[in-house]
C-alpha atoms as a PDB file:
ATOM      1  CA  MET A   1       6.555  20.771 -21.973  1.00  0.00           C
ATOM      2  CA  THR A   2       9.232  22.464 -19.870  1.00  0.00           C
ATOM      3  CA  ASP A   3      10.782  21.035 -16.714  1.00  0.00           C
ATOM      4  CA  GLN A   4       9.322  23.945 -14.732  1.00  0.00           C
ATOM      5  CA  PHE A   5       5.826  23.134 -16.003  1.00  0.00           C
ATOM      6  CA  ARG A   6       6.191  19.442 -15.183  1.00  0.00           C
ATOM      7  CA  ASP A   7       7.538  20.296 -11.763  1.00  0.00           C
ATOM      8  CA  LYS A   8       4.476  22.460 -11.127  1.00  0.00           C
ATOM      9  CA  ILE A   9       2.201  19.537 -11.945  1.00  0.00           C
ATOM     10  CA  GLY A  10       4.228  16.894 -10.108  1.00  0.00           C
ATOM     11  CA  ARG A  11       5.924  18.091  -6.935  1.00  0.00           C
ATOM     12  CA  GLY A  12       3.887  21.315  -6.834  1.00  0.00           C
ATOM     13  CA  SER A  13       0.514  19.600  -6.817  1.00  0.00           C
ATOM     14  CA  ALA A  14       1.680  17.083  -4.228  1.00  0.00           C
ATOM     15  CA  LEU A  15       3.057  19.818  -2.005  1.00  0.00           C
ATOM     16  CA  GLY A  16      -0.025  21.991  -2.364  1.00  0.00           C
ATOM     17  CA  THR A  17      -2.290  19.083  -1.464  1.00  0.00           C
ATOM     18  CA  ALA A  18      -0.128  18.265   1.558  1.00  0.00           C
ATOM     19  CA  ARG A  19      -0.350  21.873   2.742  1.00  0.00           C
ATOM     20  CA  GLY A  20      -4.123  21.776   2.396  1.00  0.00           C
ATOM     21  CA  ILE A  21      -4.408  18.621   4.504  1.00  0.00           C
ATOM     22  CA  ARG A  22      -1.985  20.076   7.051  1.00  0.00           C
ATOM     23  CA  HIS A  23      -4.277  23.093   7.381  1.00  0.00           C
ATOM     24  CA  LEU A  24      -7.197  20.774   8.201  1.00  0.00           C
ATOM     25  CA  HIS A  25      -5.146  18.957  10.821  1.00  0.00           C
ATOM     26  CA  GLU A  26      -3.773  22.023  12.601  1.00  0.00           C
ATOM     27  CA  GLY A  27      -6.906  23.559  14.078  1.00  0.00           C
ATOM     28  CA  CYS A  28      -6.643  25.186  17.501  1.00  0.00           C
ATOM     29  CA  ASP A  29      -8.551  22.643  19.617  1.00  0.00           C
ATOM     30  CA  SER A  30      -9.475  19.917  17.160  1.00  0.00           C
ATOM     31  CA  CYS A  31      -8.331  18.710  13.787  1.00  0.00           C
ATOM     32  CA  ILE A  32     -10.533  17.867  10.828  1.00  0.00           C
ATOM     33  CA  LEU A  33     -10.080  14.333   9.551  1.00  0.00           C
ATOM     34  CA  HIS A  34     -10.935  14.336   5.867  1.00  0.00           C
ATOM     35  CA  MET A  35     -11.257  10.500   5.755  1.00  0.00           C
ATOM     36  CA  ASP A  36     -11.577  10.362   1.955  1.00  0.00           C
ATOM     37  CA  ILE A  37      -8.286  11.589   0.509  1.00  0.00           C
ATOM     38  CA  LYS A  38      -7.997  10.208  -3.029  1.00  0.00           C
ATOM     39  CA  SER A  39      -7.208  11.412  -6.519  1.00  0.00           C
ATOM     40  CA  GLN A  40     -10.848  12.176  -7.363  1.00  0.00           C
ATOM     41  CA  ASN A  41     -11.061  14.544  -4.400  1.00  0.00           C
ATOM     42  CA  VAL A  42      -8.049  16.662  -5.347  1.00  0.00           C
ATOM     43  CA  LEU A  43      -8.933  19.096  -8.124  1.00  0.00           C
ATOM     44  CA  LEU A  44      -6.555  21.388 -10.034  1.00  0.00           C
ATOM     45  CA  ASP A  45      -7.593  24.886 -11.066  1.00  0.00           C
ATOM     46  CA  HIS A  46      -6.477  26.620 -14.266  1.00  0.00           C
ATOM     47  CA  GLY A  47      -3.103  27.379 -12.671  1.00  0.00           C
ATOM     48  CA  PHE A  48      -2.672  23.757 -11.499  1.00  0.00           C
ATOM     49  CA  VAL A  49      -3.210  24.798  -7.880  1.00  0.00           C
ATOM     50  CA  PRO A  50      -4.664  21.793  -6.016  1.00  0.00           C
ATOM     51  CA  LYS A  51      -7.930  22.029  -4.070  1.00  0.00           C
ATOM     52  CA  VAL A  52      -8.941  19.344  -1.563  1.00  0.00           C
ATOM     53  CA  THR A  53     -12.669  18.715  -2.013  1.00  0.00           C
ATOM     54  CA  ASP A  54     -15.589  16.518  -0.842  1.00  0.00           C
ATOM     55  CA  PHE A  55     -15.862  16.638   2.936  1.00  0.00           C
ATOM     56  CA  GLY A  56     -18.811  14.246   3.125  1.00  0.00           C
ATOM     57  CA  LEU A  57     -16.935  11.769   5.339  1.00  0.00           C
ATOM     58  CA  SER A  58     -15.025  14.319   7.413  1.00  0.00           C
ATOM     59  CA  LYS A  59     -14.855  14.104  11.212  1.00  0.00           C
ATOM     60  CA  PHE A  60     -13.672  16.386  14.011  1.00  0.00           C
ATOM     61  CA  HIS A  61     -11.060  14.913  16.333  1.00  0.00           C
ATOM     62  CA  ASN A  62     -10.099  16.326  19.724  1.00  0.00           C
ATOM     63  CA  LYS A  63      -6.325  16.804  19.875  1.00  0.00           C
ATOM     64  CA  GLU A  64      -6.234  15.658  23.496  1.00  0.00           C
ATOM     65  CA  GLY A  65      -7.374  12.227  22.308  1.00  0.00           C
ATOM     66  CA  LYS A  66     -10.591  12.230  24.354  1.00  0.00           C
ATOM     67  CA  ASP A  67     -12.804  11.286  21.452  1.00  0.00           C
ATOM     68  CA  SER A  68     -11.003   8.471  19.689  1.00  0.00           C
ATOM     69  CA  PHE A  69     -13.414   6.565  17.509  1.00  0.00           C
ATOM     70  CA  SER A  70     -13.746   3.807  14.961  1.00  0.00           C
ATOM     71  CA  MET A  71     -15.238   4.619  11.597  1.00  0.00           C
ATOM     72  CA  GLY A  72     -16.947   1.249  11.254  1.00  0.00           C
ATOM     73  CA  THR A  73     -17.493   0.060   7.695  1.00  0.00           C
ATOM     74  CA  PRO A  74     -15.884   2.751   5.509  1.00  0.00           C
ATOM     75  CA  ARG A  75     -17.566   4.237   2.472  1.00  0.00           C
ATOM     76  CA  ALA A  76     -14.306   5.581   1.083  1.00  0.00           C
ATOM     77  CA  ASP A  77     -12.231   3.960  -1.675  1.00  0.00           C
ATOM     78  CA  LEU A  78     -10.492   0.991  -0.034  1.00  0.00           C
ATOM     79  CA  ARG A  79      -7.313   1.595  -2.007  1.00  0.00           C
ATOM     80  CA  TYR A  80      -6.701   4.670   0.145  1.00  0.00           C
ATOM     81  CA  VAL A  81      -8.165   3.577   3.468  1.00  0.00           C
ATOM     82  CA  ALA A  82      -5.779   3.095   6.395  1.00  0.00           C
ATOM     83  CA  PRO A  83      -6.045  -0.347   8.077  1.00  0.00           C
ATOM     84  CA  GLU A  84      -7.053   1.094  11.456  1.00  0.00           C
ATOM     85  CA  VAL A  85     -10.157   2.524   9.786  1.00  0.00           C
ATOM     86  CA  LEU A  86     -11.145  -1.017   8.807  1.00  0.00           C
ATOM     87  CA  SER A  87     -10.587  -2.616  12.183  1.00  0.00           C
ATOM     88  CA  ASN A  88     -10.804  -1.645  15.860  1.00  0.00           C
ATOM     89  CA  GLY A  89      -7.730  -3.691  16.740  1.00  0.00           C
ATOM     90  CA  LEU A  90      -5.166  -1.800  14.648  1.00  0.00           C
ATOM     91  CA  GLY A  91      -5.092   1.560  16.445  1.00  0.00           C
ATOM     92  CA  ASP A  92      -7.110   4.745  16.769  1.00  0.00           C
ATOM     93  CA  VAL A  93      -8.436   6.654  13.780  1.00  0.00           C
ATOM     94  CA  LEU A  94      -6.384   9.830  13.943  1.00  0.00           C
ATOM     95  CA  CYS A  95      -4.881  12.452  11.639  1.00  0.00           C
ATOM     96  CA  ARG A  96      -2.316   9.870  10.571  1.00  0.00           C
ATOM     97  CA  SER A  97      -5.141   7.920   8.925  1.00  0.00           C
ATOM     98  CA  ASP A  98      -5.355  10.774   6.409  1.00  0.00           C
ATOM     99  CA  VAL A  99      -1.564  10.600   6.116  1.00  0.00           C
ATOM    100  CA  TYR A 100      -1.859   6.988   4.977  1.00  0.00           C
ATOM    101  CA  SER A 101      -4.389   7.985   2.293  1.00  0.00           C
ATOM    102  CA  PHE A 102      -2.152  10.808   1.122  1.00  0.00           C
ATOM    103  CA  GLY A 103       0.785   8.404   0.896  1.00  0.00           C
ATOM    104  CA  MET A 104      -1.195   6.135  -1.386  1.00  0.00           C
ATOM    105  CA  LEU A 105      -2.085   9.188  -3.473  1.00  0.00           C
ATOM    106  CA  LEU A 106       1.610  10.097  -3.852  1.00  0.00           C
ATOM    107  CA  LEU A 107       2.480   6.576  -4.954  1.00  0.00           C
ATOM    108  CA  GLU A 108      -0.435   6.605  -7.400  1.00  0.00           C
ATOM    109  CA  MET A 109       0.960   9.755  -9.053  1.00  0.00           C
ATOM    110  CA  VAL A 110       4.100   7.845  -9.989  1.00  0.00           C
ATOM    111  CA  GLU A 111       2.361   4.530 -10.615  1.00  0.00           C
ATOM    112  CA  GLY A 112       0.338   5.982 -13.484  1.00  0.00           C
ATOM    113  CA  LYS A 113       3.510   6.895 -15.369  1.00  0.00           C
ATOM    114  CA  TRP A 114       5.140   3.573 -14.478  1.00  0.00           C
ATOM    115  CA  LEU A 115       2.172   1.519 -15.685  1.00  0.00           C
ATOM    116  CA  ALA A 116       2.090   3.410 -18.973  1.00  0.00           C
ATOM    117  CA  GLU A 117       5.674   2.307 -19.623  1.00  0.00           C
ATOM    118  CA  SER A 118       5.530  -1.251 -18.246  1.00  0.00           C
ATOM    119  CA  LYS A 119       4.467  -2.798 -21.556  1.00  0.00           C
ATOM    120  CA  GLY A 120       6.639  -5.870 -21.236  1.00  0.00           C
ATOM    121  CA  LYS A 121       6.110  -6.358 -17.509  1.00  0.00           C
ATOM    122  CA  SER A 122       3.394  -8.258 -15.693  1.00  0.00           C
ATOM    123  CA  SER A 123       2.203  -4.996 -14.170  1.00  0.00           C
ATOM    124  CA  SER A 124      -1.206  -6.454 -13.320  1.00  0.00           C
ATOM    125  CA  GLN A 125       0.526  -8.801 -10.870  1.00  0.00           C
ATOM    126  CA  VAL A 126       2.712  -6.186  -9.180  1.00  0.00           C
ATOM    127  CA  TYR A 127       1.751  -4.333  -6.012  1.00  0.00           C
ATOM    128  CA  PHE A 128       3.398  -1.004  -6.748  1.00  0.00           C
ATOM    129  CA  PRO A 129       4.410   0.086  -3.202  1.00  0.00           C
ATOM    130  CA  MET A 130       6.148  -3.266  -2.682  1.00  0.00           C
ATOM    131  CA  TRP A 131       7.864  -3.004  -6.074  1.00  0.00           C
ATOM    132  CA  VAL A 132       9.049   0.538  -5.342  1.00  0.00           C
ATOM    133  CA  TYR A 133      10.492  -0.375  -1.964  1.00  0.00           C
ATOM    134  CA  ASP A 134      12.320  -3.416  -3.312  1.00  0.00           C
ATOM    135  CA  HIS A 135      13.899  -1.449  -6.169  1.00  0.00           C
ATOM    136  CA  LEU A 136      14.897   1.623  -4.170  1.00  0.00           C
ATOM    137  CA  SER A 137      16.235  -0.367  -1.226  1.00  0.00           C
ATOM    138  CA  GLU A 138      18.474  -2.316  -3.619  1.00  0.00           C
ATOM    139  CA  GLY A 139      19.846   0.890  -5.132  1.00  0.00           C
ATOM    140  CA  GLY A 140      17.754   0.714  -8.281  1.00  0.00           C
ATOM    141  CA  ASP A 141      15.578   3.356  -9.883  1.00  0.00           C
ATOM    142  CA  LEU A 142      11.934   3.548 -10.916  1.00  0.00           C
ATOM    143  CA  GLU A 143      12.652   2.494 -14.517  1.00  0.00           C
ATOM    144  CA  LEU A 144      10.810   5.493 -15.940  1.00  0.00           C
ATOM    145  CA  GLN A 145      11.543   6.264 -19.584  1.00  0.00           C
ATOM    146  CA  ASN A 146      11.593   9.594 -21.421  1.00  0.00           C
ATOM    147  CA  VAL A 147      11.903  11.651 -18.249  1.00  0.00           C
ATOM    148  CA  THR A 148      14.416  14.315 -17.326  1.00  0.00           C
ATOM    149  CA  GLN A 149      16.732  14.094 -14.348  1.00  0.00           C
ATOM    150  CA  LEU A 150      14.475  16.549 -12.514  1.00  0.00           C
ATOM    151  CA  GLU A 151      11.369  14.470 -13.189  1.00  0.00           C
ATOM    152  CA  SER A 152      13.125  11.307 -12.039  1.00  0.00           C
ATOM    153  CA  ALA A 153      14.160  13.019  -8.795  1.00  0.00           C
ATOM    154  CA  ILE A 154      10.598  14.247  -8.210  1.00  0.00           C
ATOM    155  CA  ALA A 155       9.194  10.762  -8.780  1.00  0.00           C
ATOM    156  CA  ARG A 156      11.663   9.227  -6.327  1.00  0.00           C
ATOM    157  CA  LYS A 157      10.848  11.864  -3.706  1.00  0.00           C
ATOM    158  CA  LEU A 158       7.102  11.251  -4.039  1.00  0.00           C
ATOM    159  CA  CYS A 159       7.654   7.512  -3.641  1.00  0.00           C
ATOM    160  CA  VAL A 160       9.920   7.780  -0.588  1.00  0.00           C
ATOM    161  CA  VAL A 161       7.522  10.158   1.163  1.00  0.00           C
ATOM    162  CA  GLY A 162       4.597   7.942   0.164  1.00  0.00           C
ATOM    163  CA  LEU A 163       6.291   4.883   1.656  1.00  0.00           C
ATOM    164  CA  TRP A 164       6.772   6.724   4.958  1.00  0.00           C
ATOM    165  CA  CYS A 165       3.090   7.648   4.958  1.00  0.00           C
ATOM    166  CA  ILE A 166       1.828   4.079   4.524  1.00  0.00           C
ATOM    167  CA  GLN A 167       3.718   2.565   7.445  1.00  0.00           C
ATOM    168  CA  LYS A 168       1.673  -0.164   9.124  1.00  0.00           C
ATOM    169  CA  SER A 169       2.179   1.312  12.589  1.00  0.00           C
ATOM    170  CA  VAL A 170       0.169   4.516  12.996  1.00  0.00           C
ATOM    171  CA  SER A 171       2.852   6.024  15.246  1.00  0.00           C
ATOM    172  CA  GLN A 172       5.539   5.482  12.590  1.00  0.00           C
ATOM    173  CA  ARG A 173       3.761   7.631  10.018  1.00  0.00           C
ATOM    174  CA  PRO A 174       4.785  11.296   9.939  1.00  0.00           C
ATOM    175  CA  LEU A 175       2.320  14.065  10.715  1.00  0.00           C
ATOM    176  CA  MET A 176       1.288  16.197   7.745  1.00  0.00           C
ATOM    177  CA  ALA A 177       3.567  19.013   8.928  1.00  0.00           C
ATOM    178  CA  LYS A 178       6.517  16.629   8.553  1.00  0.00           C
ATOM    179  CA  VAL A 179       5.216  15.388   5.202  1.00  0.00           C
ATOM    180  CA  VAL A 180       5.175  18.984   3.937  1.00  0.00           C
ATOM    181  CA  GLU A 181       8.711  19.463   5.233  1.00  0.00           C
ATOM    182  CA  MET A 182       9.920  16.344   3.398  1.00  0.00           C
ATOM    183  CA  LEU A 183       8.296  17.455   0.141  1.00  0.00           C
ATOM    184  CA  GLU A 184       9.933  20.862   0.461  1.00  0.00           C
ATOM    185  CA  THR A 185      13.436  19.483   0.964  1.00  0.00           C
ATOM    186  CA  ASN A 186      15.969  17.986  -1.420  1.00  0.00           C
ATOM    187  CA  GLY A 187      14.830  14.438  -2.062  1.00  0.00           C
ATOM    188  CA  ASP A 188      18.444  13.212  -2.221  1.00  0.00           C
ATOM    189  CA  HIS A 189      18.588  13.394   1.564  1.00  0.00           C
ATOM    190  CA  LEU A 190      15.413  11.409   2.212  1.00  0.00           C
ATOM    191  CA  GLN A 191      15.968   7.926   3.607  1.00  0.00           C
ATOM    192  CA  LEU A 192      13.697   4.956   2.980  1.00  0.00           C
ATOM    193  CA  PRO A 193      11.500   3.912   5.915  1.00  0.00           C
ATOM    194  CA  PRO A 194      11.658   0.440   7.484  1.00  0.00           C
ATOM    195  CA  ASN A 195      10.014  -2.298   5.448  1.00  0.00           C
ATOM    196  CA  SER A 196       6.876  -2.229   7.560  1.00  0.00           C
ATOM    197  CA  PHE A 197       3.972  -1.518   5.275  1.00  0.00           C
ATOM    198  CA  CYS A 198       0.334  -2.465   5.288  1.00  0.00           C
ATOM    199  CA  PHE A 199       0.740  -5.822   3.612  1.00  0.00           C
ATOM    200  CA  PRO A 200       1.793  -9.136   5.182  1.00  0.00           C
ATOM    201  CA  GLU A 201       4.783 -10.977   3.719  1.00  0.00           C
ATOM    202  CA  HIS A 202       2.805 -14.189   3.129  1.00  0.00           C
ATOM    203  CA  VAL A 203       0.349 -12.492   0.740  1.00  0.00           C
ATOM    204  CA  SER A 204       1.346 -12.510  -2.917  1.00  0.00           C
ATOM    205  CA  ALA A 205       1.630  -9.345  -4.965  1.00  0.00           C
ATOM    206  CA  LYS A 206      -1.058 -10.712  -7.276  1.00  0.00           C
ATOM    207  CA  ASP A 207      -3.472 -11.023  -4.359  1.00  0.00           C
ATOM    208  CA  LEU A 208      -2.712  -7.505  -3.185  1.00  0.00           C
ATOM    209  CA  GLN A 209      -3.483  -6.050  -6.605  1.00  0.00           C
ATOM    210  CA  SER A 210      -7.189  -6.876  -6.225  1.00  0.00           C
ATOM    211  CA  ASP A 211      -9.348  -4.352  -4.388  1.00  0.00           C
ATOM    212  CA  SER A 212     -11.417  -7.222  -3.001  1.00  0.00           C
ATOM    213  CA  SER A 213      -8.314  -8.605  -1.278  1.00  0.00           C
ATOM    214  CA  ARG A 214      -7.692  -5.454   0.747  1.00  0.00           C
ATOM    215  CA  GLN A 215      -9.200  -7.274   3.712  1.00  0.00           C
ATOM    216  CA  LEU A 216      -5.964  -9.287   3.701  1.00  0.00           C
ATOM    217  CA  LEU A 217      -4.295  -6.231   5.164  1.00  0.00           C
ATOM    218  CA  ILE A 218      -6.091  -7.028   8.438  1.00  0.00           C
ATOM    219  CA  PRO A 219      -4.457  -9.710  10.612  1.00  0.00           C
ATOM    220  CA  GLU A 220      -6.455 -12.952  10.741  1.00  0.00           C
ATOM    221  CA  SER A 221      -6.942 -12.583  14.504  1.00  0.00           C
ATOM    222  CA  VAL A 222      -8.735  -9.263  14.103  1.00  0.00           C
ATOM    223  CA  GLU A 223     -12.290  -8.994  12.856  1.00  0.00           C
ATOM    224  CA  PRO A 224     -13.292  -5.981  10.728  1.00  0.00           C
ATOM    225  CA  SER A 225     -15.501  -3.443  12.465  1.00  0.00           C
ATOM    226  CA  SER A 226     -19.184  -3.647  11.700  1.00  0.00           C
END
């Protein structure tokens, strides 16, 4: 498999998906919130061109902010759901809620390769976004084996952009237009975001690995929406 072919699958699919979500968000008067961005809803055609699918949970949002809303109990996959979708007290559900989901998707692209090679590691007890941030912030790499320099650079770029997208504060996440810009640029110039992600420091990585523990991402003083 050539580097160009791998690049088309890796960075190309991520970039194409980002452009598709940006198109939804950049309507004239209102943006379309997809609200269910996940790997199962991004399909690749015969040329590996990504298609964002399944708009069953989509919502229109007025860009002037006059119709902010809470989604209540989400039906989407909790691994990709932004915390403000789960609780009224964590901010408005806006286009940046889709950005969070896309960030988790980017990290998942790299995580699959990492898990396949983590034979001697306790991968089941590692929360991948936390592991990535710790390693990159300390000057380390992603410990991927049998990859070219190009593939390693693509993986790092996807992770850095993904970490920006999953910032705990909604306002700190980039808009999809900025996400596209970051994916189009040289990843060597991308800086890591602050260590302010959607997991509290007192929760163990083992706890965070369980889907049932995703409620731990909500502060104890805030009750989930019903």
